[in-house]
C-alpha atoms as a PDB file:
ATOM      1  CA  MET A   1      72.107  29.131  69.444  1.00  0.00           C
ATOM      2  CA  THR A   2      68.533  28.017  69.298  1.00  0.00           C
ATOM      3  CA  CYS A   3      67.046  24.590  68.845  1.00  0.00           C
ATOM      4  CA  SER A   4      65.483  25.019  65.441  1.00  0.00           C
ATOM      5  CA  ARG A   5      64.553  21.376  64.821  1.00  0.00           C
ATOM      6  CA  ALA A   6      65.289  17.829  65.947  1.00  0.00           C
ATOM      7  CA  ASP A   7      67.314  15.352  63.902  1.00  0.00           C
ATOM      8  CA  ALA A   8      66.285  11.716  63.271  1.00  0.00           C
ATOM      9  CA  ALA A   9      67.571  10.660  66.713  1.00  0.00           C
ATOM     10  CA  GLY A  10      65.602  13.432  68.417  1.00  0.00           C
ATOM     11  CA  SER A  11      68.687  15.498  69.205  1.00  0.00           C
ATOM     12  CA  CYS A  12      68.511  19.245  68.982  1.00  0.00           C
ATOM     13  CA  VAL A  13      69.864  20.769  65.760  1.00  0.00           C
ATOM     14  CA  ARG A  14      71.090  24.241  66.638  1.00  0.00           C
ATOM     15  CA  SER A  15      71.415  27.418  64.660  1.00  0.00           C
ATOM     16  CA  GLU A  16      74.639  29.419  64.777  1.00  0.00           C
ATOM     17  CA  SER A  17      73.988  32.197  67.298  1.00  0.00           C
ATOM     18  CA  VAL A  18      71.639  33.393  69.995  1.00  0.00           C
ATOM     19  CA  ASP A  19      69.797  36.579  69.124  1.00  0.00           C
ATOM     20  CA  LEU A  20      69.317  39.385  71.628  1.00  0.00           C
ATOM     21  CA  GLU A  21      65.597  38.734  72.084  1.00  0.00           C
ATOM     22  CA  THR A  22      66.300  35.092  72.956  1.00  0.00           C
ATOM     23  CA  LEU A  23      69.003  36.127  75.428  1.00  0.00           C
ATOM     24  CA  LEU A  24      66.676  38.607  77.108  1.00  0.00           C
ATOM     25  CA  THR A  25      63.938  35.975  77.318  1.00  0.00           C
ATOM     26  CA  LEU A  26      66.417  33.505  78.800  1.00  0.00           C
ATOM     27  CA  LEU A  27      67.466  36.048  81.426  1.00  0.00           C
ATOM     28  CA  ALA A  28      63.939  37.072  82.437  1.00  0.00           C
ATOM     29  CA  PRO A  29      63.423  34.543  85.269  1.00  0.00           C
ATOM     30  CA  ASP A  30      65.495  35.425  88.328  1.00  0.00           C
ATOM     31  CA  ARG A  31      66.277  31.806  89.161  1.00  0.00           C
ATOM     32  CA  ARG A  32      67.686  31.242  85.657  1.00  0.00           C
ATOM     33  CA  ARG A  33      69.847  34.375  85.960  1.00  0.00           C
ATOM     34  CA  GLN A  34      71.091  33.197  89.341  1.00  0.00           C
ATOM     35  CA  ALA A  35      71.930  29.761  87.910  1.00  0.00           C
ATOM     36  CA  VAL A  36      73.915  31.267  85.019  1.00  0.00           C
ATOM     37  CA  LEU A  37      75.766  33.660  87.328  1.00  0.00           C
ATOM     38  CA  THR A  38      76.589  30.739  89.611  1.00  0.00           C
ATOM     39  CA  LEU A  39      77.877  28.670  86.690  1.00  0.00           C
ATOM     40  CA  LEU A  40      80.010  31.597  85.528  1.00  0.00           C
ATOM     41  CA  ASP A  41      81.531  31.784  89.018  1.00  0.00           C
ATOM     42  CA  CYS A  42      82.251  28.039  89.103  1.00  0.00           C
ATOM     43  CA  GLU A  43      84.152  27.855  85.784  1.00  0.00           C
ATOM     44  CA  ARG A  44      83.798  24.046  85.709  1.00  0.00           C
ATOM     45  CA  ASP A  45      81.241  21.264  85.411  1.00  0.00           C
ATOM     46  CA  VAL A  46      78.769  21.351  88.284  1.00  0.00           C
ATOM     47  CA  SER A  47      76.369  18.733  89.572  1.00  0.00           C
ATOM     48  CA  LEU A  48      72.695  19.661  89.682  1.00  0.00           C
ATOM     49  CA  ASP A  49      72.754  19.233  93.470  1.00  0.00           C
ATOM     50  CA  GLU A  50      75.714  21.578  93.902  1.00  0.00           C
ATOM     51  CA  LEU A  51      74.224  24.143  91.533  1.00  0.00           C
ATOM     52  CA  SER A  52      70.928  24.046  93.447  1.00  0.00           C
ATOM     53  CA  ARG A  53      72.666  24.608  96.785  1.00  0.00           C
ATOM     54  CA  ARG A  54      74.787  27.455  95.392  1.00  0.00           C
ATOM     55  CA  VAL A  55      71.744  29.159  93.822  1.00  0.00           C
ATOM     56  CA  ALA A  56      69.971  28.911  97.191  1.00  0.00           C
ATOM     57  CA  CYS A  57      72.977  30.589  98.871  1.00  0.00           C
ATOM     58  CA  ARG A  58      73.515  33.226  96.189  1.00  0.00           C
ATOM     59  CA  PRO A  59      71.211  35.916  97.664  1.00  0.00           C
ATOM     60  CA  LEU A  60      73.221  35.665 100.891  1.00  0.00           C
ATOM     61  CA  GLU A  61      76.496  35.991  98.947  1.00  0.00           C
ATOM     62  CA  SER A  62      77.872  33.098 100.958  1.00  0.00           C
ATOM     63  CA  THR A  63      79.345  29.757  99.956  1.00  0.00           C
ATOM     64  CA  THR A  64      79.109  28.448 103.515  1.00  0.00           C
ATOM     65  CA  CYS A  65      75.390  28.944 104.082  1.00  0.00           C
ATOM     66  CA  GLU A  66      73.158  25.995 104.933  1.00  0.00           C
ATOM     67  CA  PRO A  67      69.804  26.588 103.214  1.00  0.00           C
ATOM     68  CA  PRO A  68      66.832  24.421 104.147  1.00  0.00           C
ATOM     69  CA  GLN A  69      66.681  21.168 102.185  1.00  0.00           C
ATOM     70  CA  SER A  70      63.148  22.035 101.055  1.00  0.00           C
ATOM     71  CA  LEU A  71      64.474  25.183  99.330  1.00  0.00           C
ATOM     72  CA  ILE A  72      67.292  23.258  97.646  1.00  0.00           C
ATOM     73  CA  ASP A  73      64.756  20.655  96.465  1.00  0.00           C
ATOM     74  CA  ARG A  74      62.441  23.325  94.971  1.00  0.00           C
ATOM     75  CA  ILE A  75      65.374  24.962  93.177  1.00  0.00           C
ATOM     76  CA  ARG A  76      66.669  21.609  91.892  1.00  0.00           C
ATOM     77  CA  ILE A  77      63.230  20.690  90.514  1.00  0.00           C
ATOM     78  CA  SER A  78      62.783  24.036  88.731  1.00  0.00           C
ATOM     79  CA  LEU A  79      66.316  23.905  87.309  1.00  0.00           C
ATOM     80  CA  HIS A  80      65.883  20.320  86.099  1.00  0.00           C
ATOM     81  CA  HIS A  81      62.422  20.699  84.573  1.00  0.00           C
ATOM     82  CA  SER A  82      62.441  24.281  83.313  1.00  0.00           C
ATOM     83  CA  HIS A  83      65.556  26.428  83.399  1.00  0.00           C
ATOM     84  CA  LEU A  84      68.369  24.062  82.393  1.00  0.00           C
ATOM     85  CA  PRO A  85      66.483  22.536  79.432  1.00  0.00           C
ATOM     86  CA  LYS A  86      65.798  26.036  78.069  1.00  0.00           C
ATOM     87  CA  LEU A  87      69.434  27.060  78.500  1.00  0.00           C
ATOM     88  CA  HIS A  88      70.503  23.777  76.914  1.00  0.00           C
ATOM     89  CA  ASP A  89      68.190  24.250  73.912  1.00  0.00           C
ATOM     90  CA  ALA A  90      69.641  27.745  73.408  1.00  0.00           C
ATOM     91  CA  GLY A  91      73.183  26.344  73.495  1.00  0.00           C
ATOM     92  CA  ILE A  92      74.179  28.242  76.643  1.00  0.00           C
ATOM     93  CA  VAL A  93      74.765  25.121  78.751  1.00  0.00           C
ATOM     94  CA  GLU A  94      75.252  21.444  78.188  1.00  0.00           C
ATOM     95  CA  TYR A  95      72.907  19.695  80.598  1.00  0.00           C
ATOM     96  CA  ASP A  96      73.216  15.940  80.975  1.00  0.00           C
ATOM     97  CA  ALA A  97      69.967  15.062  82.734  1.00  0.00           C
ATOM     98  CA  GLY A  98      71.040  11.445  83.190  1.00  0.00           C
ATOM     99  CA  ARG A  99      74.288  12.326  84.956  1.00  0.00           C
ATOM    100  CA  ARG A 100      72.762  15.545  86.342  1.00  0.00           C
ATOM    101  CA  THR A 101      75.745  17.688  85.370  1.00  0.00           C
ATOM    102  CA  VAL A 102      75.795  21.180  83.905  1.00  0.00           C
ATOM    103  CA  THR A 103      78.569  22.754  81.827  1.00  0.00           C
ATOM    104  CA  LEU A 104      78.696  26.207  80.296  1.00  0.00           C
ATOM    105  CA  THR A 105      79.318  26.265  76.548  1.00  0.00           C
ATOM    106  CA  THR A 106      81.328  28.724  74.518  1.00  0.00           C
ATOM    107  CA  GLU A 107      78.035  30.445  73.680  1.00  0.00           C
ATOM    108  CA  SER A 108      77.808  31.547  77.316  1.00  0.00           C
ATOM    109  CA  ALA A 109      80.185  34.449  76.569  1.00  0.00           C
ATOM    110  CA  GLN A 110      77.279  36.310  74.958  1.00  0.00           C
ATOM    111  CA  LEU A 111      75.175  35.763  78.034  1.00  0.00           C
ATOM    112  CA  GLU A 112      78.004  36.841  80.345  1.00  0.00           C
ATOM    113  CA  ARG A 113      78.386  40.155  78.487  1.00  0.00           C
ATOM    114  CA  LEU A 114      74.653  40.764  78.669  1.00  0.00           C
ATOM    115  CA  LEU A 115      74.562  39.921  82.387  1.00  0.00           C
ATOM    116  CA  ASP A 116      77.430  42.360  82.983  1.00  0.00           C
ATOM    117  CA  ASP A 117      75.456  45.066  81.171  1.00  0.00           C
ATOM    118  CA  VAL A 118      72.311  44.286  83.174  1.00  0.00           C
ATOM    119  CA  GLN A 119      74.255  44.420  86.464  1.00  0.00           C
ATOM    120  CA  PHE A 120      75.763  47.774  85.418  1.00  0.00           C
ATOM    121  CA  VAL A 121      72.309  49.241  84.664  1.00  0.00           C
ATOM    122  CA  LYS A 122      70.938  47.991  88.013  1.00  0.00           C
ATOM    123  CA  GLN A 123      73.671  49.899  89.861  1.00  0.00           C
END
């Protein structure tokens, strides 16, 4: 889904599906891909802080790593200001900036299939 226009309250009015070009654009930044892969692994609502820590640990393939706080802060800022709003506008995640929680939507299935295909090609 894409945010095609805003309603009277300023909320995003979404179209019905995400086209391939939009999905590929969404997946272009590595940090955004890592965030989506992390959310797919979690299978539940995640706080922005937890997502940031898990994204920082993802390259190490460890859930017990202790990344530097400065790295977690940089990731959290980029997720909050750039990546999560774009994913939210496309209907891939529900991001509540006030509560700082992220939830995958049903539209994420398209993204998951595309990520699986990308991972297969990389191998």
